[in-house]
C-alpha atoms as a PDB file:
ATOM      1  CA  VAL A   1      13.937 -29.105  15.992  1.00  0.00           C
ATOM      2  CA  SER A   2      12.538 -26.542  18.283  1.00  0.00           C
ATOM      3  CA  PRO A   3       9.045 -25.176  17.565  1.00  0.00           C
ATOM      4  CA  ILE A   4       8.944 -21.451  16.311  1.00  0.00           C
ATOM      5  CA  PRO A   5       7.526 -19.386  19.339  1.00  0.00           C
ATOM      6  CA  LYS A   6       4.076 -18.060  18.467  1.00  0.00           C
ATOM      7  CA  ARG A   7       5.186 -14.370  18.301  1.00  0.00           C
ATOM      8  CA  THR A   8       7.454 -15.004  15.738  1.00  0.00           C
ATOM      9  CA  ALA A   9       5.220 -17.333  14.005  1.00  0.00           C
ATOM     10  CA  VAL A  10       2.711 -14.631  14.108  1.00  0.00           C
ATOM     11  CA  SER A  11       5.269 -12.100  12.791  1.00  0.00           C
ATOM     12  CA  ILE A  12       6.523 -14.431   9.901  1.00  0.00           C
ATOM     13  CA  ALA A  13       2.788 -15.010   8.603  1.00  0.00           C
ATOM     14  CA  LEU A  14       1.983 -11.526   9.054  1.00  0.00           C
ATOM     15  CA  PHE A  15       5.143 -10.232   7.147  1.00  0.00           C
ATOM     16  CA  SER A  16       4.417 -12.925   4.222  1.00  0.00           C
ATOM     17  CA  LEU A  17       0.622 -11.615   4.057  1.00  0.00           C
ATOM     18  CA  ASN A  18       1.910  -8.063   3.542  1.00  0.00           C
ATOM     19  CA  HIS A  19       5.008  -8.535   1.434  1.00  0.00           C
ATOM     20  CA  ALA A  20       5.063 -11.833  -0.329  1.00  0.00           C
ATOM     21  CA  ARG A  21       3.686 -12.965  -3.718  1.00  0.00           C
ATOM     22  CA  LEU A  22       0.674 -14.842  -2.979  1.00  0.00           C
ATOM     23  CA  HIS A  23      -1.161 -17.754  -4.698  1.00  0.00           C
ATOM     24  CA  PRO A  24      -4.255 -16.606  -6.329  1.00  0.00           C
ATOM     25  CA  LYS A  25      -6.416 -18.624  -3.660  1.00  0.00           C
ATOM     26  CA  GLN A  26      -4.559 -16.735  -1.331  1.00  0.00           C
ATOM     27  CA  LEU A  27      -5.678 -13.081  -2.432  1.00  0.00           C
ATOM     28  CA  PRO A  28      -8.924 -13.319  -0.915  1.00  0.00           C
ATOM     29  CA  LEU A  29      -7.221 -13.233   2.745  1.00  0.00           C
ATOM     30  CA  ARG A  30      -5.183 -10.090   2.006  1.00  0.00           C
ATOM     31  CA  SER A  31      -8.106  -8.229   0.219  1.00  0.00           C
ATOM     32  CA  LEU A  32     -10.466  -8.985   3.172  1.00  0.00           C
ATOM     33  CA  LEU A  33      -8.152  -7.905   5.783  1.00  0.00           C
ATOM     34  CA  ARG A  34      -7.180  -4.620   4.006  1.00  0.00           C
ATOM     35  CA  ARG A  35     -10.813  -3.744   3.559  1.00  0.00           C
ATOM     36  CA  SER A  36     -11.457  -4.558   7.110  1.00  0.00           C
ATOM     37  CA  GLY A  37      -8.353  -2.696   8.603  1.00  0.00           C
ATOM     38  CA  GLN A  38      -7.850  -5.645  10.676  1.00  0.00           C
ATOM     39  CA  ASN A  39      -3.922  -5.738  10.285  1.00  0.00           C
ATOM     40  CA  GLN A  40      -3.715  -4.480  13.612  1.00  0.00           C
ATOM     41  CA  GLU A  41      -6.088  -7.321  15.072  1.00  0.00           C
ATOM     42  CA  LEU A  42      -4.513  -9.942  13.009  1.00  0.00           C
ATOM     43  CA  PRO A  43      -1.632 -11.004  15.388  1.00  0.00           C
ATOM     44  CA  ALA A  44      -3.929 -11.508  18.199  1.00  0.00           C
ATOM     45  CA  TYR A  45      -6.402 -13.637  15.920  1.00  0.00           C
ATOM     46  CA  PHE A  46      -3.274 -15.700  14.644  1.00  0.00           C
ATOM     47  CA  ALA A  47      -1.955 -16.213  18.260  1.00  0.00           C
ATOM     48  CA  SER A  48      -5.521 -17.313  19.508  1.00  0.00           C
ATOM     49  CA  GLU A  49      -6.156 -19.679  16.574  1.00  0.00           C
ATOM     50  CA  GLN A  50      -2.633 -21.043  16.762  1.00  0.00           C
ATOM     51  CA  ILE A  51      -2.220 -19.890  13.077  1.00  0.00           C
ATOM     52  CA  ALA A  52       1.495 -20.250  11.949  1.00  0.00           C
ATOM     53  CA  ASP A  53       1.324 -19.710   8.160  1.00  0.00           C
ATOM     54  CA  LEU A  54      -1.076 -18.413   5.473  1.00  0.00           C
ATOM     55  CA  HIS A  55      -2.085 -22.025   4.365  1.00  0.00           C
ATOM     56  CA  GLN A  56      -3.664 -22.290   7.936  1.00  0.00           C
ATOM     57  CA  ALA A  57      -5.036 -18.776   7.759  1.00  0.00           C
ATOM     58  CA  ASN A  58      -6.983 -19.367   4.550  1.00  0.00           C
ATOM     59  CA  PRO A  59      -9.930 -21.496   5.831  1.00  0.00           C
ATOM     60  CA  HIS A  60     -10.447 -18.737   8.359  1.00  0.00           C
ATOM     61  CA  ILE A  61     -11.532 -16.283   5.552  1.00  0.00           C
ATOM     62  CA  GLY A  62     -15.042 -17.069   5.808  1.00  0.00           C
ATOM     63  CA  ASP A  63     -15.237 -16.623   9.750  1.00  0.00           C
ATOM     64  CA  LEU A  64     -13.167 -13.173   9.242  1.00  0.00           C
ATOM     65  CA  ARG A  65     -15.621 -12.041   6.790  1.00  0.00           C
ATOM     66  CA  ARG A  66     -18.685 -12.875   8.515  1.00  0.00           C
ATOM     67  CA  HIS A  67     -17.430 -11.269  11.474  1.00  0.00           C
ATOM     68  CA  LEU A  68     -16.546  -7.945   9.348  1.00  0.00           C
ATOM     69  CA  ASN A  69     -20.006  -8.007   7.999  1.00  0.00           C
ATOM     70  CA  GLN A  70     -22.013  -8.634  11.064  1.00  0.00           C
ATOM     71  CA  HIS A  71     -19.971  -6.169  13.529  1.00  0.00           C
ATOM     72  CA  GLU A  72     -17.764  -3.623  11.690  1.00  0.00           C
ATOM     73  CA  VAL A  73     -19.598  -0.363  10.593  1.00  0.00           C
ATOM     74  CA  HIS A  74     -18.817   0.290   6.675  1.00  0.00           C
ATOM     75  CA  ARG A  75     -17.410   3.710   6.256  1.00  0.00           C
ATOM     76  CA  GLU A  76     -19.597   4.453   2.879  1.00  0.00           C
ATOM     77  CA  LEU A  77     -22.653   3.078   3.937  1.00  0.00           C
ATOM     78  CA  ARG A  78     -22.245   4.106   7.874  1.00  0.00           C
ATOM     79  CA  MET A  79     -23.998   0.706   8.593  1.00  0.00           C
ATOM     80  CA  LYS A  80     -23.045  -2.907   9.094  1.00  0.00           C
ATOM     81  CA  PRO A  81     -22.924  -4.548   5.822  1.00  0.00           C
ATOM     82  CA  GLN A  82     -25.065  -7.388   6.980  1.00  0.00           C
ATOM     83  CA  ALA A  83     -27.820  -5.005   8.169  1.00  0.00           C
ATOM     84  CA  ALA A  84     -27.408  -3.254   4.787  1.00  0.00           C
ATOM     85  CA  TRP A  85     -28.140  -6.420   3.269  1.00  0.00           C
ATOM     86  CA  ASP A  86     -30.633  -7.720   5.401  1.00  0.00           C
ATOM     87  CA  THR A  87     -32.366  -4.045   4.431  1.00  0.00           C
ATOM     88  CA  ALA A  88     -32.015  -4.582   1.027  1.00  0.00           C
ATOM     89  CA  LYS A  89     -33.641  -7.992   0.748  1.00  0.00           C
ATOM     90  CA  THR A  90     -36.713  -7.081   2.778  1.00  0.00           C
ATOM     91  CA  GLU A  91     -37.306  -3.897   0.432  1.00  0.00           C
ATOM     92  CA  LYS A  92     -36.869  -6.508  -2.488  1.00  0.00           C
ATOM     93  CA  ARG A  93     -33.685  -4.431  -4.010  1.00  0.00           C
ATOM     94  CA  SER A  94     -31.141  -6.830  -3.817  1.00  0.00           C
ATOM     95  CA  VAL A  95     -29.374  -7.587  -7.157  1.00  0.00           C
ATOM     96  CA  LEU A  96     -28.604 -11.373  -6.389  1.00  0.00           C
ATOM     97  CA  ARG A  97     -31.481 -13.442  -7.625  1.00  0.00           C
ATOM     98  CA  PRO A  98     -31.890 -17.294  -6.755  1.00  0.00           C
ATOM     99  CA  VAL A  99     -30.551 -19.898  -9.284  1.00  0.00           C
ATOM    100  CA  PRO A 100     -33.199 -20.444 -11.705  1.00  0.00           C
ATOM    101  CA  ARG A 101     -34.844 -23.803 -11.614  1.00  0.00           C
ATOM    102  CA  CYS A 102     -33.446 -24.818 -15.030  1.00  0.00           C
ATOM    103  CA  ALA A 103     -31.577 -27.915 -16.169  1.00  0.00           C
ATOM    104  CA  TRP A 104     -29.603 -26.073 -18.419  1.00  0.00           C
ATOM    105  CA  TRP A 105     -28.439 -23.641 -15.492  1.00  0.00           C
ATOM    106  CA  PRO A 106     -24.956 -25.518 -14.796  1.00  0.00           C
ATOM    107  CA  PHE A 107     -23.823 -25.213 -18.568  1.00  0.00           C
ATOM    108  CA  VAL A 108     -24.907 -21.571 -18.823  1.00  0.00           C
ATOM    109  CA  TRP A 109     -21.609 -20.289 -17.757  1.00  0.00           C
ATOM    110  CA  SER A 110     -19.185 -22.784 -19.468  1.00  0.00           C
ATOM    111  CA  GLN A 111     -17.325 -22.581 -22.515  1.00  0.00           C
ATOM    112  CA  ARG A 112     -18.880 -24.838 -25.243  1.00  0.00           C
ATOM    113  CA  THR A 113     -17.297 -26.452 -27.996  1.00  0.00           C
ATOM    114  CA  GLU A 114     -18.595 -28.862 -30.469  1.00  0.00           C
ATOM    115  CA  ILE A 115     -16.330 -31.830 -30.943  1.00  0.00           C
ATOM    116  CA  ARG A 116     -16.484 -35.352 -32.826  1.00  0.00           C
ATOM    117  CA  VAL A 117     -16.589 -38.541 -30.965  1.00  0.00           C
ATOM    118  CA  GLY A 118     -13.321 -40.727 -32.205  1.00  0.00           C
ATOM    119  CA  ASP A 119     -13.550 -43.679 -34.290  1.00  0.00           C
ATOM    120  CA  ASP A 120     -12.458 -45.506 -30.957  1.00  0.00           C
ATOM    121  CA  GLY A 121     -15.820 -43.879 -29.284  1.00  0.00           C
ATOM    122  CA  ARG A 122     -13.790 -41.592 -27.149  1.00  0.00           C
ATOM    123  CA  VAL A 123     -13.612 -37.711 -26.613  1.00  0.00           C
ATOM    124  CA  PRO A 124     -10.387 -35.916 -25.673  1.00  0.00           C
ATOM    125  CA  ILE A 125     -11.169 -34.073 -22.179  1.00  0.00           C
ATOM    126  CA  GLY A 126      -8.173 -32.455 -20.661  1.00  0.00           C
ATOM    127  CA  ALA A 127      -5.150 -34.642 -21.268  1.00  0.00           C
ATOM    128  CA  GLN A 128      -7.306 -37.784 -21.068  1.00  0.00           C
ATOM    129  CA  ARG A 129      -9.535 -39.675 -23.554  1.00  0.00           C
ATOM    130  CA  PHE A 130     -13.041 -40.790 -22.178  1.00  0.00           C
ATOM    131  CA  ARG A 131     -15.385 -43.426 -23.827  1.00  0.00           C
ATOM    132  CA  LEU A 132     -18.907 -42.231 -24.552  1.00  0.00           C
ATOM    133  CA  GLU A 133     -22.088 -44.156 -25.294  1.00  0.00           C
ATOM    134  CA  VAL A 134     -22.466 -42.729 -28.619  1.00  0.00           C
ATOM    135  CA  PRO A 135     -21.671 -43.748 -32.182  1.00  0.00           C
ATOM    136  CA  PRO A 136     -18.469 -42.822 -33.550  1.00  0.00           C
ATOM    137  CA  ARG A 137     -17.907 -39.450 -35.619  1.00  0.00           C
ATOM    138  CA  THR A 138     -20.944 -38.141 -33.625  1.00  0.00           C
ATOM    139  CA  LYS A 139     -21.116 -34.613 -32.861  1.00  0.00           C
ATOM    140  CA  VAL A 140     -21.072 -33.609 -29.145  1.00  0.00           C
ATOM    141  CA  VAL A 141     -20.727 -30.580 -26.919  1.00  0.00           C
ATOM    142  CA  LEU A 142     -17.694 -30.280 -24.684  1.00  0.00           C
ATOM    143  CA  CYS A 143     -18.298 -27.927 -21.799  1.00  0.00           C
ATOM    144  CA  GLN A 144     -15.633 -26.681 -19.597  1.00  0.00           C
ATOM    145  CA  HIS A 145     -17.063 -25.222 -16.402  1.00  0.00           C
ATOM    146  CA  PRO A 146     -15.325 -21.983 -14.582  1.00  0.00           C
ATOM    147  CA  SER A 147     -14.523 -24.372 -11.786  1.00  0.00           C
ATOM    148  CA  GLY A 148     -12.137 -26.390 -14.065  1.00  0.00           C
ATOM    149  CA  HIS A 149     -14.712 -29.450 -14.546  1.00  0.00           C
ATOM    150  CA  TYR A 150     -15.939 -30.791 -17.717  1.00  0.00           C
ATOM    151  CA  SER A 151     -19.354 -32.087 -19.213  1.00  0.00           C
ATOM    152  CA  VAL A 152     -20.216 -33.533 -22.313  1.00  0.00           C
ATOM    153  CA  LEU A 153     -23.891 -33.071 -23.822  1.00  0.00           C
ATOM    154  CA  ALA A 154     -25.325 -34.690 -26.677  1.00  0.00           C
ATOM    155  CA  ALA A 155     -26.690 -31.173 -28.083  1.00  0.00           C
ATOM    156  CA  GLN A 156     -26.360 -27.595 -27.565  1.00  0.00           C
ATOM    157  CA  PRO A 157     -28.913 -25.866 -25.032  1.00  0.00           C
ATOM    158  CA  SER A 158     -32.527 -25.418 -26.293  1.00  0.00           C
ATOM    159  CA  HIS A 159     -35.407 -24.390 -24.630  1.00  0.00           C
ATOM    160  CA  THR A 160     -37.542 -27.402 -25.688  1.00  0.00           C
ATOM    161  CA  ASN A 161     -35.277 -30.247 -24.551  1.00  0.00           C
ATOM    162  CA  LYS A 162     -33.306 -31.177 -21.298  1.00  0.00           C
ATOM    163  CA  PRO A 163     -29.805 -31.724 -21.429  1.00  0.00           C
ATOM    164  CA  GLN A 164     -28.622 -35.145 -22.198  1.00  0.00           C
ATOM    165  CA  ILE A 165     -25.551 -35.525 -20.152  1.00  0.00           C
ATOM    166  CA  LEU A 166     -22.975 -38.084 -21.631  1.00  0.00           C
ATOM    167  CA  PHE A 167     -20.131 -37.327 -19.223  1.00  0.00           C
ATOM    168  CA  SER A 168     -19.568 -35.037 -16.216  1.00  0.00           C
ATOM    169  CA  ASN A 169     -17.300 -34.694 -13.592  1.00  0.00           C
ATOM    170  CA  LEU A 170     -18.919 -31.830 -11.846  1.00  0.00           C
ATOM    171  CA  PRO A 171     -19.721 -32.401  -8.220  1.00  0.00           C
ATOM    172  CA  LYS A 172     -23.439 -33.189  -7.342  1.00  0.00           C
ATOM    173  CA  THR A 173     -24.550 -30.061  -5.513  1.00  0.00           C
ATOM    174  CA  ASN A 174     -28.235 -29.651  -6.764  1.00  0.00           C
ATOM    175  CA  PRO A 175     -30.903 -32.132  -6.929  1.00  0.00           C
ATOM    176  CA  ALA A 176     -31.982 -33.332 -10.252  1.00  0.00           C
ATOM    177  CA  LEU A 177     -34.243 -31.006 -11.922  1.00  0.00           C
END
């Protein structure tokens, strides 16, 4: 099997980007490129990075967005987005706030459901059952996070107590609070 020439590979990727139904994880690439008007520059970028399909293009979203924000003038702001953001931060008028140092924060945006531990000491999480170190028939709180991960808490959130996590498959990203 002979490899696809670069020009053809770029054309295929560009055609798929503009005309195919994309997986939801691929939609940011399309929206980023439409927003930036980089559809004319995309073939050259694909060729220089040896990108032949969308799966190879997705990891480049961050680099393309950084380039766009640092070098391209926004048509409404009439300045570079990164400069606008830096100005807003120095003037303390940014909308984004740092994540609060609160032990409950990872559970704020989760969907919480009270469930009972089964007679065998297990709770259903997704399609599996996991054993918890609590007595059978105890009420616990199952948290489904927006990321698709699950946690099980001993009680609902409260201002007076820290969370007692009985189970979690969340990745460890923040140090213990």
